[in-house]
């Protein structure tokens, strides 16, 4: 089945909240363009380190490849209270970053 872009826009992208988020992402890209770190068509993304699109401080922005930036979507590092080790949380499920020893 083909993707229905018109319906997608009407149901999601046209909402005021999404328009504001898109404007903030575009503003972040403009900041990095003015610094000379990215340019149009360079296949790079401007990544928000804290994943908050409203935070356009230059200390929160970095240039990454499209692949690396888009693979981060949906993952968030959280600190385990009991073990104190960083875990990656993917769509509500915690996944340990520590490799397990075999044979035990």
PDB file of N, CA and C in Angstrom:
ATOM      1  N   UNK A   1       0.842  -1.175   0.000  1.00  0.00           N
ATOM      2  CA  UNK A   1       0.000   0.000   0.000  1.00  0.00           C
ATOM      3  C   UNK A   1       0.891   1.244   0.000  1.00  0.00           C
ATOM      4  N   UNK A   2       0.546   2.208  -0.798  1.00  0.00           N
ATOM      5  CA  UNK A   2       1.310   3.448  -0.903  1.00  0.00           C
ATOM      6  C   UNK A   2       1.049   4.339   0.311  1.00  0.00           C
ATOM      7  N   UNK A   3       2.031   5.112   0.636  1.00  0.00           N
ATOM      8  CA  UNK A   3       1.930   6.020   1.773  1.00  0.00           C
ATOM      9  C   UNK A   3       1.054   7.218   1.409  1.00  0.00           C
ATOM     10  N   UNK A   4       0.128   7.578   2.288  1.00  0.00           N
ATOM     11  CA  UNK A   4      -0.792   8.680   2.037  1.00  0.00           C
ATOM     12  C   UNK A   4      -0.270   9.934   2.753  1.00  0.00           C
ATOM     13  N   UNK A   5       0.539  10.719   2.032  1.00  0.00           N
ATOM     14  CA  UNK A   5       1.170  11.891   2.633  1.00  0.00           C
ATOM     15  C   UNK A   5       0.163  12.970   3.023  1.00  0.00           C
ATOM     16  N   UNK A   6      -0.888  13.110   2.246  1.00  0.00           N
ATOM     17  CA  UNK A   6      -1.893  14.130   2.547  1.00  0.00           C
ATOM     18  C   UNK A   6      -2.574  13.839   3.890  1.00  0.00           C
ATOM     19  N   UNK A   7      -2.975  12.588   4.065  1.00  0.00           N
ATOM     20  CA  UNK A   7      -3.618  12.201   5.321  1.00  0.00           C
ATOM     21  C   UNK A   7      -2.641  12.304   6.487  1.00  0.00           C
ATOM     22  N   UNK A   8      -1.379  11.949   6.253  1.00  0.00           N
ATOM     23  CA  UNK A   8      -0.355  12.042   7.297  1.00  0.00           C
ATOM     24  C   UNK A   8      -0.168  13.488   7.742  1.00  0.00           C
ATOM     25  N   UNK A   9      -0.145  14.399   6.778  1.00  0.00           N
ATOM     26  CA  UNK A   9      -0.005  15.808   7.113  1.00  0.00           C
ATOM     27  C   UNK A   9      -1.217  16.301   7.899  1.00  0.00           C
ATOM     28  N   UNK A  10      -2.403  15.955   7.434  1.00  0.00           N
ATOM     29  CA  UNK A  10      -3.628  16.415   8.096  1.00  0.00           C
ATOM     30  C   UNK A  10      -3.747  15.870   9.520  1.00  0.00           C
ATOM     31  N   UNK A  11      -3.322  14.629   9.728  1.00  0.00           N
ATOM     32  CA  UNK A  11      -3.484  13.985  11.030  1.00  0.00           C
ATOM     33  C   UNK A  11      -2.342  14.258  12.008  1.00  0.00           C
ATOM     34  N   UNK A  12      -1.163  14.648  11.500  1.00  0.00           N
ATOM     35  CA  UNK A  12      -0.023  14.783  12.398  1.00  0.00           C
ATOM     36  C   UNK A  12       0.753  16.082  12.176  1.00  0.00           C
ATOM     37  N   UNK A  13       1.295  16.272  10.986  1.00  0.00           N
ATOM     38  CA  UNK A  13       2.209  17.380  10.729  1.00  0.00           C
ATOM     39  C   UNK A  13       1.556  18.756  10.743  1.00  0.00           C
ATOM     40  N   UNK A  14       0.262  18.824  10.565  1.00  0.00           N
ATOM     41  CA  UNK A  14      -0.415  20.131  10.549  1.00  0.00           C
ATOM     42  C   UNK A  14      -0.813  20.617  11.942  1.00  0.00           C
ATOM     43  N   UNK A  15      -0.630  19.786  12.944  1.00  0.00           N
ATOM     44  CA  UNK A  15      -1.004  20.168  14.306  1.00  0.00           C
ATOM     45  C   UNK A  15      -0.068  21.265  14.820  1.00  0.00           C
ATOM     46  N   UNK A  16      -0.580  22.220  15.584  1.00  0.00           N
ATOM     47  CA  UNK A  16       0.230  23.336  16.079  1.00  0.00           C
ATOM     48  C   UNK A  16       1.484  22.898  16.847  1.00  0.00           C
ATOM     49  N   UNK A  17       1.363  21.865  17.650  1.00  0.00           N
ATOM     50  CA  UNK A  17       2.510  21.383  18.424  1.00  0.00           C
ATOM     51  C   UNK A  17       3.622  20.903  17.488  1.00  0.00           C
ATOM     52  N   UNK A  18       3.257  20.179  16.442  1.00  0.00           N
ATOM     53  CA  UNK A  18       4.253  19.663  15.508  1.00  0.00           C
ATOM     54  C   UNK A  18       4.864  20.784  14.667  1.00  0.00           C
ATOM     55  N   UNK A  19       4.064  21.791  14.351  1.00  0.00           N
ATOM     56  CA  UNK A  19       4.592  22.940  13.604  1.00  0.00           C
ATOM     57  C   UNK A  19       5.649  23.676  14.422  1.00  0.00           C
ATOM     58  N   UNK A  20       5.408  23.823  15.722  1.00  0.00           N
ATOM     59  CA  UNK A  20       6.373  24.489  16.600  1.00  0.00           C
ATOM     60  C   UNK A  20       7.653  23.672  16.718  1.00  0.00           C
ATOM     61  N   UNK A  21       7.510  22.354  16.859  1.00  0.00           N
ATOM     62  CA  UNK A  21       8.688  21.496  16.956  1.00  0.00           C
ATOM     63  C   UNK A  21       9.514  21.547  15.669  1.00  0.00           C
ATOM     64  N   UNK A  22       8.832  21.538  14.528  1.00  0.00           N
ATOM     65  CA  UNK A  22       9.530  21.616  13.233  1.00  0.00           C
ATOM     66  C   UNK A  22      10.244  22.957  13.102  1.00  0.00           C
ATOM     67  N   UNK A  23       9.590  24.043  13.533  1.00  0.00           N
ATOM     68  CA  UNK A  23      10.206  25.371  13.472  1.00  0.00           C
ATOM     69  C   UNK A  23      11.459  25.419  14.353  1.00  0.00           C
ATOM     70  N   UNK A  24      11.417  24.779  15.523  1.00  0.00           N
ATOM     71  CA  UNK A  24      12.581  24.728  16.406  1.00  0.00           C
ATOM     72  C   UNK A  24      13.721  23.922  15.794  1.00  0.00           C
ATOM     73  N   UNK A  25      13.387  22.815  15.128  1.00  0.00           N
ATOM     74  CA  UNK A  25      14.430  22.023  14.461  1.00  0.00           C
ATOM     75  C   UNK A  25      15.051  22.812  13.322  1.00  0.00           C
ATOM     76  N   UNK A  26      14.231  23.536  12.570  1.00  0.00           N
ATOM     77  CA  UNK A  26      14.747  24.363  11.470  1.00  0.00           C
ATOM     78  C   UNK A  26      15.621  25.493  12.007  1.00  0.00           C
ATOM     79  N   UNK A  27      15.237  26.069  13.145  1.00  0.00           N
ATOM     80  CA  UNK A  27      16.038  27.131  13.760  1.00  0.00           C
ATOM     81  C   UNK A  27      17.400  26.591  14.190  1.00  0.00           C
ATOM     82  N   UNK A  28      17.434  25.366  14.700  1.00  0.00           N
ATOM     83  CA  UNK A  28      18.699  24.749  15.107  1.00  0.00           C
ATOM     84  C   UNK A  28      19.603  24.556  13.893  1.00  0.00           C
ATOM     85  N   UNK A  29      19.021  24.136  12.797  1.00  0.00           N
ATOM     86  CA  UNK A  29      19.808  23.957  11.567  1.00  0.00           C
ATOM     87  C   UNK A  29      20.352  25.310  11.094  1.00  0.00           C
ATOM     88  N   UNK A  30      19.523  26.349  11.172  1.00  0.00           N
ATOM     89  CA  UNK A  30      19.968  27.697  10.776  1.00  0.00           C
ATOM     90  C   UNK A  30      21.159  28.159  11.621  1.00  0.00           C
ATOM     91  N   UNK A  31      21.120  27.869  12.905  1.00  0.00           N
ATOM     92  CA  UNK A  31      22.221  28.239  13.801  1.00  0.00           C
ATOM     93  C   UNK A  31      23.513  27.577  13.335  1.00  0.00           C
ATOM     94  N   UNK A  32      23.434  26.287  13.032  1.00  0.00           N
ATOM     95  CA  UNK A  32      24.628  25.555  12.608  1.00  0.00           C
ATOM     96  C   UNK A  32      25.092  25.982  11.216  1.00  0.00           C
ATOM     97  N   UNK A  33      24.156  26.379  10.354  1.00  0.00           N
ATOM     98  CA  UNK A  33      24.537  26.882   9.027  1.00  0.00           C
ATOM     99  C   UNK A  33      25.301  28.194   9.156  1.00  0.00           C
ATOM    100  N   UNK A  34      24.843  29.060  10.049  1.00  0.00           N
ATOM    101  CA  UNK A  34      25.519  30.347  10.250  1.00  0.00           C
ATOM    102  C   UNK A  34      26.923  30.158  10.814  1.00  0.00           C
ATOM    103  N   UNK A  35      27.124  29.087  11.594  1.00  0.00           N
ATOM    104  CA  UNK A  35      28.452  28.778  12.113  1.00  0.00           C
ATOM    105  C   UNK A  35      29.340  28.118  11.058  1.00  0.00           C
ATOM    106  N   UNK A  36      28.732  27.714   9.935  1.00  0.00           N
ATOM    107  CA  UNK A  36      29.496  27.079   8.864  1.00  0.00           C
ATOM    108  C   UNK A  36      29.727  25.592   9.059  1.00  0.00           C
ATOM    109  N   UNK A  37      28.980  24.969   9.959  1.00  0.00           N
ATOM    110  CA  UNK A  37      29.180  23.554  10.245  1.00  0.00           C
ATOM    111  C   UNK A  37      28.355  22.636   9.347  1.00  0.00           C
ATOM    112  N   UNK A  38      27.262  23.141   8.808  1.00  0.00           N
ATOM    113  CA  UNK A  38      26.445  22.359   7.874  1.00  0.00           C
ATOM    114  C   UNK A  38      26.055  23.250   6.704  1.00  0.00           C
ATOM    115  N   UNK A  39      25.675  22.614   5.610  1.00  0.00           N
ATOM    116  CA  UNK A  39      25.143  23.362   4.474  1.00  0.00           C
ATOM    117  C   UNK A  39      24.059  22.530   3.809  1.00  0.00           C
ATOM    118  N   UNK A  40      23.275  23.159   3.001  1.00  0.00           N
ATOM    119  CA  UNK A  40      22.153  22.496   2.355  1.00  0.00           C
ATOM    120  C   UNK A  40      22.658  21.352   1.470  1.00  0.00           C
ATOM    121  N   UNK A  41      22.037  20.197   1.620  1.00  0.00           N
ATOM    122  CA  UNK A  41      22.379  19.050   0.793  1.00  0.00           C
ATOM    123  C   UNK A  41      23.606  18.280   1.222  1.00  0.00           C
ATOM    124  N   UNK A  42      24.109  18.500   2.436  1.00  0.00           N
ATOM    125  CA  UNK A  42      25.330  17.834   2.882  1.00  0.00           C
ATOM    126  C   UNK A  42      25.089  16.472   3.529  1.00  0.00           C
ATOM    127  N   UNK A  43      23.825  16.026   3.580  1.00  0.00           N
ATOM    128  CA  UNK A  43      23.455  14.728   4.157  1.00  0.00           C
ATOM    129  C   UNK A  43      23.799  14.620   5.642  1.00  0.00           C
ATOM    130  N   UNK A  44      23.777  15.746   6.338  1.00  0.00           N
ATOM    131  CA  UNK A  44      24.040  15.777   7.772  1.00  0.00           C
ATOM    132  C   UNK A  44      22.794  16.250   8.504  1.00  0.00           C
ATOM    133  N   UNK A  45      22.650  15.811   9.741  1.00  0.00           N
ATOM    134  CA  UNK A  45      21.563  16.258  10.610  1.00  0.00           C
ATOM    135  C   UNK A  45      22.145  17.058  11.764  1.00  0.00           C
ATOM    136  N   UNK A  46      21.364  17.995  12.262  1.00  0.00           N
ATOM    137  CA  UNK A  46      21.730  18.706  13.483  1.00  0.00           C
ATOM    138  C   UNK A  46      20.995  17.999  14.613  1.00  0.00           C
ATOM    139  N   UNK A  47      21.765  17.443  15.519  1.00  0.00           N
ATOM    140  CA  UNK A  47      21.230  16.627  16.603  1.00  0.00           C
ATOM    141  C   UNK A  47      21.140  17.446  17.882  1.00  0.00           C
ATOM    142  N   UNK A  48      20.030  17.298  18.597  1.00  0.00           N
ATOM    143  CA  UNK A  48      19.881  17.874  19.929  1.00  0.00           C
ATOM    144  C   UNK A  48      20.344  16.810  20.915  1.00  0.00           C
ATOM    145  N   UNK A  49      21.408  17.066  21.629  1.00  0.00           N
ATOM    146  CA  UNK A  49      21.987  16.074  22.536  1.00  0.00           C
ATOM    147  C   UNK A  49      20.976  15.604  23.580  1.00  0.00           C
ATOM    148  N   UNK A  50      20.186  16.539  24.106  1.00  0.00           N
ATOM    149  CA  UNK A  50      19.209  16.173  25.140  1.00  0.00           C
ATOM    150  C   UNK A  50      17.846  15.801  24.557  1.00  0.00           C
ATOM    151  N   UNK A  51      17.740  15.757  23.252  1.00  0.00           N
ATOM    152  CA  UNK A  51      16.516  15.399  22.506  1.00  0.00           C
ATOM    153  C   UNK A  51      15.360  16.370  22.718  1.00  0.00           C
ATOM    154  N   UNK A  52      15.653  17.537  23.273  1.00  0.00           N
ATOM    155  CA  UNK A  52      14.646  18.565  23.470  1.00  0.00           C
ATOM    156  C   UNK A  52      14.781  19.577  22.335  1.00  0.00           C
ATOM    157  N   UNK A  53      13.831  19.587  21.396  1.00  0.00           N
ATOM    158  CA  UNK A  53      13.935  20.460  20.226  1.00  0.00           C
ATOM    159  C   UNK A  53      13.783  21.932  20.584  1.00  0.00           C
ATOM    160  N   UNK A  54      13.296  22.227  21.781  1.00  0.00           N
ATOM    161  CA  UNK A  54      13.169  23.624  22.203  1.00  0.00           C
ATOM    162  C   UNK A  54      14.497  24.191  22.692  1.00  0.00           C
ATOM    163  N   UNK A  55      15.436  23.320  23.033  1.00  0.00           N
ATOM    164  CA  UNK A  55      16.728  23.747  23.562  1.00  0.00           C
ATOM    165  C   UNK A  55      17.724  23.895  22.403  1.00  0.00           C
ATOM    166  N   UNK A  56      17.838  25.105  21.868  1.00  0.00           N
ATOM    167  CA  UNK A  56      18.725  25.354  20.742  1.00  0.00           C
ATOM    168  C   UNK A  56      20.021  26.043  21.156  1.00  0.00           C
ATOM    169  N   UNK A  57      20.476  25.806  22.381  1.00  0.00           N
ATOM    170  CA  UNK A  57      21.766  26.328  22.807  1.00  0.00           C
ATOM    171  C   UNK A  57      22.852  25.620  21.992  1.00  0.00           C
ATOM    172  N   UNK A  58      23.897  26.353  21.644  1.00  0.00           N
ATOM    173  CA  UNK A  58      24.942  25.746  20.824  1.00  0.00           C
ATOM    174  C   UNK A  58      25.638  24.595  21.546  1.00  0.00           C
ATOM    175  N   UNK A  59      25.639  24.610  22.872  1.00  0.00           N
ATOM    176  CA  UNK A  59      26.240  23.503  23.616  1.00  0.00           C
ATOM    177  C   UNK A  59      25.395  22.237  23.536  1.00  0.00           C
ATOM    178  N   UNK A  60      24.138  22.369  23.148  1.00  0.00           N
ATOM    179  CA  UNK A  60      23.240  21.226  23.042  1.00  0.00           C
ATOM    180  C   UNK A  60      23.161  20.689  21.612  1.00  0.00           C
ATOM    181  N   UNK A  61      23.723  21.388  20.650  1.00  0.00           N
ATOM    182  CA  UNK A  61      23.630  20.989  19.249  1.00  0.00           C
ATOM    183  C   UNK A  61      24.932  20.367  18.773  1.00  0.00           C
ATOM    184  N   UNK A  62      24.801  19.377  17.896  1.00  0.00           N
ATOM    185  CA  UNK A  62      25.975  18.784  17.255  1.00  0.00           C
ATOM    186  C   UNK A  62      25.582  18.285  15.872  1.00  0.00           C
ATOM    187  N   UNK A  63      26.569  18.197  14.995  1.00  0.00           N
ATOM    188  CA  UNK A  63      26.344  17.726  13.635  1.00  0.00           C
ATOM    189  C   UNK A  63      26.641  16.235  13.600  1.00  0.00           C
ATOM    190  N   UNK A  64      25.698  15.447  13.084  1.00  0.00           N
ATOM    191  CA  UNK A  64      25.882  14.004  12.964  1.00  0.00           C
ATOM    192  C   UNK A  64      25.413  13.559  11.590  1.00  0.00           C
ATOM    193  N   UNK A  65      25.768  12.349  11.235  1.00  0.00           N
ATOM    194  CA  UNK A  65      25.265  11.787   9.988  1.00  0.00           C
ATOM    195  C   UNK A  65      23.782  11.481  10.158  1.00  0.00           C
ATOM    196  N   UNK A  66      23.063  11.426   9.056  1.00  0.00           N
ATOM    197  CA  UNK A  66      21.637  11.123   9.137  1.00  0.00           C
ATOM    198  C   UNK A  66      21.414   9.760   9.767  1.00  0.00           C
ATOM    199  N   UNK A  67      22.237   8.792   9.399  1.00  0.00           N
ATOM    200  CA  UNK A  67      22.073   7.432   9.912  1.00  0.00           C
ATOM    201  C   UNK A  67      22.237   7.383  11.420  1.00  0.00           C
ATOM    202  N   UNK A  68      23.289   8.016  11.922  1.00  0.00           N
ATOM    203  CA  UNK A  68      23.552   7.980  13.362  1.00  0.00           C
ATOM    204  C   UNK A  68      22.457   8.707  14.140  1.00  0.00           C
ATOM    205  N   UNK A  69      22.053   9.878  13.661  1.00  0.00           N
ATOM    206  CA  UNK A  69      21.040  10.657  14.373  1.00  0.00           C
ATOM    207  C   UNK A  69      19.690   9.948  14.381  1.00  0.00           C
ATOM    208  N   UNK A  70      19.306   9.419  13.258  1.00  0.00           N
ATOM    209  CA  UNK A  70      17.978   8.802  13.174  1.00  0.00           C
ATOM    210  C   UNK A  70      17.924   7.444  13.844  1.00  0.00           C
ATOM    211  N   UNK A  71      19.063   6.818  14.066  1.00  0.00           N
ATOM    212  CA  UNK A  71      19.069   5.552  14.796  1.00  0.00           C
ATOM    213  C   UNK A  71      18.902   5.799  16.295  1.00  0.00           C
ATOM    214  N   UNK A  72      19.159   7.021  16.750  1.00  0.00           N
ATOM    215  CA  UNK A  72      18.995   7.378  18.171  1.00  0.00           C
ATOM    216  C   UNK A  72      17.533   7.557  18.540  1.00  0.00           C
ATOM    217  N   UNK A  73      16.676   7.805  17.590  1.00  0.00           N
ATOM    218  CA  UNK A  73      15.265   8.060  17.895  1.00  0.00           C
ATOM    219  C   UNK A  73      14.653   6.863  18.606  1.00  0.00           C
ATOM    220  N   UNK A  74      13.955   7.125  19.693  1.00  0.00           N
ATOM    221  CA  UNK A  74      13.292   6.067  20.445  1.00  0.00           C
ATOM    222  C   UNK A  74      14.159   5.464  21.529  1.00  0.00           C
ATOM    223  N   UNK A  75      15.436   5.837  21.604  1.00  0.00           N
ATOM    224  CA  UNK A  75      16.284   5.305  22.663  1.00  0.00           C
ATOM    225  C   UNK A  75      16.639   6.426  23.622  1.00  0.00           C
ATOM    226  N   UNK A  76      16.698   6.090  24.869  1.00  0.00           N
ATOM    227  CA  UNK A  76      17.019   7.075  25.890  1.00  0.00           C
ATOM    228  C   UNK A  76      17.802   6.387  26.987  1.00  0.00           C
ATOM    229  N   UNK A  77      18.959   6.949  27.330  1.00  0.00           N
ATOM    230  CA  UNK A  77      19.766   6.360  28.398  1.00  0.00           C
ATOM    231  C   UNK A  77      19.180   6.757  29.741  1.00  0.00           C
ATOM    232  N   UNK A  78      18.977   5.769  30.581  1.00  0.00           N
ATOM    233  CA  UNK A  78      18.459   6.009  31.929  1.00  0.00           C
ATOM    234  C   UNK A  78      19.410   5.381  32.931  1.00  0.00           C
ATOM    235  N   UNK A  79      19.438   5.922  34.105  1.00  0.00           N
ATOM    236  CA  UNK A  79      20.308   5.418  35.170  1.00  0.00           C
ATOM    237  C   UNK A  79      19.492   4.478  36.056  1.00  0.00           C
ATOM    238  N   UNK A  80      19.956   3.265  36.185  1.00  0.00           N
ATOM    239  CA  UNK A  80      19.295   2.295  37.050  1.00  0.00           C
ATOM    240  C   UNK A  80      19.573   2.660  38.504  1.00  0.00           C
ATOM    241  N   UNK A  81      18.547   2.714  39.323  1.00  0.00           N
ATOM    242  CA  UNK A  81      18.717   3.098  40.724  1.00  0.00           C
ATOM    243  C   UNK A  81      19.390   1.994  41.532  1.00  0.00           C
ATOM    244  N   UNK A  82      19.140   0.738  41.190  1.00  0.00           N
ATOM    245  CA  UNK A  82      19.671  -0.361  41.987  1.00  0.00           C
ATOM    246  C   UNK A  82      21.101  -0.702  41.614  1.00  0.00           C
ATOM    247  N   UNK A  83      21.418  -0.694  40.315  1.00  0.00           N
ATOM    248  CA  UNK A  83      22.739  -1.120  39.889  1.00  0.00           C
ATOM    249  C   UNK A  83      23.661   0.050  39.570  1.00  0.00           C
ATOM    250  N   UNK A  84      23.117   1.233  39.238  1.00  0.00           N
ATOM    251  CA  UNK A  84      23.942   2.381  38.912  1.00  0.00           C
ATOM    252  C   UNK A  84      24.603   2.293  37.547  1.00  0.00           C
ATOM    253  N   UNK A  85      24.133   1.404  36.696  1.00  0.00           N
ATOM    254  CA  UNK A  85      24.706   1.255  35.360  1.00  0.00           C
ATOM    255  C   UNK A  85      23.739   1.821  34.331  1.00  0.00           C
ATOM    256  N   UNK A  86      24.300   2.438  33.278  1.00  0.00           N
ATOM    257  CA  UNK A  86      23.455   3.024  32.237  1.00  0.00           C
ATOM    258  C   UNK A  86      22.774   1.923  31.444  1.00  0.00           C
ATOM    259  N   UNK A  87      21.520   2.121  31.175  1.00  0.00           N
ATOM    260  CA  UNK A  87      20.761   1.192  30.358  1.00  0.00           C
ATOM    261  C   UNK A  87      20.128   1.963  29.218  1.00  0.00           C
ATOM    262  N   UNK A  88      19.861   1.296  28.140  1.00  0.00           N
ATOM    263  CA  UNK A  88      19.197   1.915  27.010  1.00  0.00           C
ATOM    264  C   UNK A  88      17.738   1.501  27.046  1.00  0.00           C
ATOM    265  N   UNK A  89      16.867   2.478  27.031  1.00  0.00           N
ATOM    266  CA  UNK A  89      15.442   2.193  27.101  1.00  0.00           C
ATOM    267  C   UNK A  89      14.850   2.350  25.706  1.00  0.00           C
ATOM    268  N   UNK A  90      14.307   1.270  25.172  1.00  0.00           N
ATOM    269  CA  UNK A  90      13.747   1.278  23.831  1.00  0.00           C
ATOM    270  C   UNK A  90      12.263   0.976  23.922  1.00  0.00           C
ATOM    271  N   UNK A  91      11.442   1.938  23.548  1.00  0.00           N
ATOM    272  CA  UNK A  91       9.993   1.793  23.507  1.00  0.00           C
ATOM    273  C   UNK A  91       9.445   1.132  24.772  1.00  0.00           C
ATOM    274  N   UNK A  92       9.858   1.653  25.925  1.00  0.00           N
ATOM    275  CA  UNK A  92       9.308   1.195  27.185  1.00  0.00           C
ATOM    276  C   UNK A  92       9.982  -0.027  27.772  1.00  0.00           C
ATOM    277  N   UNK A  93      10.936  -0.629  27.066  1.00  0.00           N
ATOM    278  CA  UNK A  93      11.611  -1.807  27.575  1.00  0.00           C
ATOM    279  C   UNK A  93      13.062  -1.467  27.879  1.00  0.00           C
ATOM    280  N   UNK A  94      13.545  -1.868  29.039  1.00  0.00           N
ATOM    281  CA  UNK A  94      14.937  -1.605  29.401  1.00  0.00           C
ATOM    282  C   UNK A  94      15.808  -2.720  28.839  1.00  0.00           C
ATOM    283  N   UNK A  95      16.959  -2.331  28.295  1.00  0.00           N
ATOM    284  CA  UNK A  95      17.876  -3.290  27.696  1.00  0.00           C
ATOM    285  C   UNK A  95      19.262  -3.011  28.262  1.00  0.00           C
ATOM    286  N   UNK A  96      19.864  -3.985  28.915  1.00  0.00           N
ATOM    287  CA  UNK A  96      21.141  -3.787  29.567  1.00  0.00           C
ATOM    288  C   UNK A  96      22.259  -3.607  28.552  1.00  0.00           C
ATOM    289  N   UNK A  97      23.165  -2.626  28.817  1.00  0.00           N
ATOM    290  CA  UNK A  97      24.310  -2.384  27.944  1.00  0.00           C
ATOM    291  C   UNK A  97      25.494  -3.253  28.344  1.00  0.00           C
ATOM    292  N   UNK A  98      25.424  -3.887  29.497  1.00  0.00           N
ATOM    293  CA  UNK A  98      26.521  -4.697  30.000  1.00  0.00           C
ATOM    294  C   UNK A  98      26.430  -6.080  29.369  1.00  0.00           C
ATOM    295  N   UNK A  99      27.547  -6.539  28.798  1.00  0.00           N
ATOM    296  CA  UNK A  99      27.528  -7.879  28.185  1.00  0.00           C
ATOM    297  C   UNK A  99      27.538  -8.940  29.291  1.00  0.00           C
ATOM    298  N   UNK A 100      26.862 -10.008  29.062  1.00  0.00           N
ATOM    299  CA  UNK A 100      26.775 -11.074  30.060  1.00  0.00           C
ATOM    300  C   UNK A 100      27.876 -12.099  29.821  1.00  0.00           C
ATOM    301  N   UNK A 101      28.389 -12.636  30.913  1.00  0.00           N
ATOM    302  CA  UNK A 101      29.416 -13.671  30.809  1.00  0.00           C
ATOM    303  C   UNK A 101      28.747 -14.986  30.483  1.00  0.00           C
ATOM    304  N   UNK A 102      29.374 -15.709  29.576  1.00  0.00           N
ATOM    305  CA  UNK A 102      28.834 -17.033  29.206  1.00  0.00           C
ATOM    306  C   UNK A 102      29.426 -18.104  30.099  1.00  0.00           C
ATOM    307  N   UNK A 103      28.678 -19.140  30.287  1.00  0.00           N
ATOM    308  CA  UNK A 103      29.168 -20.288  31.049  1.00  0.00           C
ATOM    309  C   UNK A 103      28.767 -20.262  32.517  1.00  0.00           C
ATOM    310  N   UNK A 104      28.118 -19.238  32.953  1.00  0.00           N
ATOM    311  CA  UNK A 104      27.698 -19.149  34.361  1.00  0.00           C
ATOM    312  C   UNK A 104      26.220 -19.041  34.473  1.00  0.00           C
TER     313      UNK A 104
END
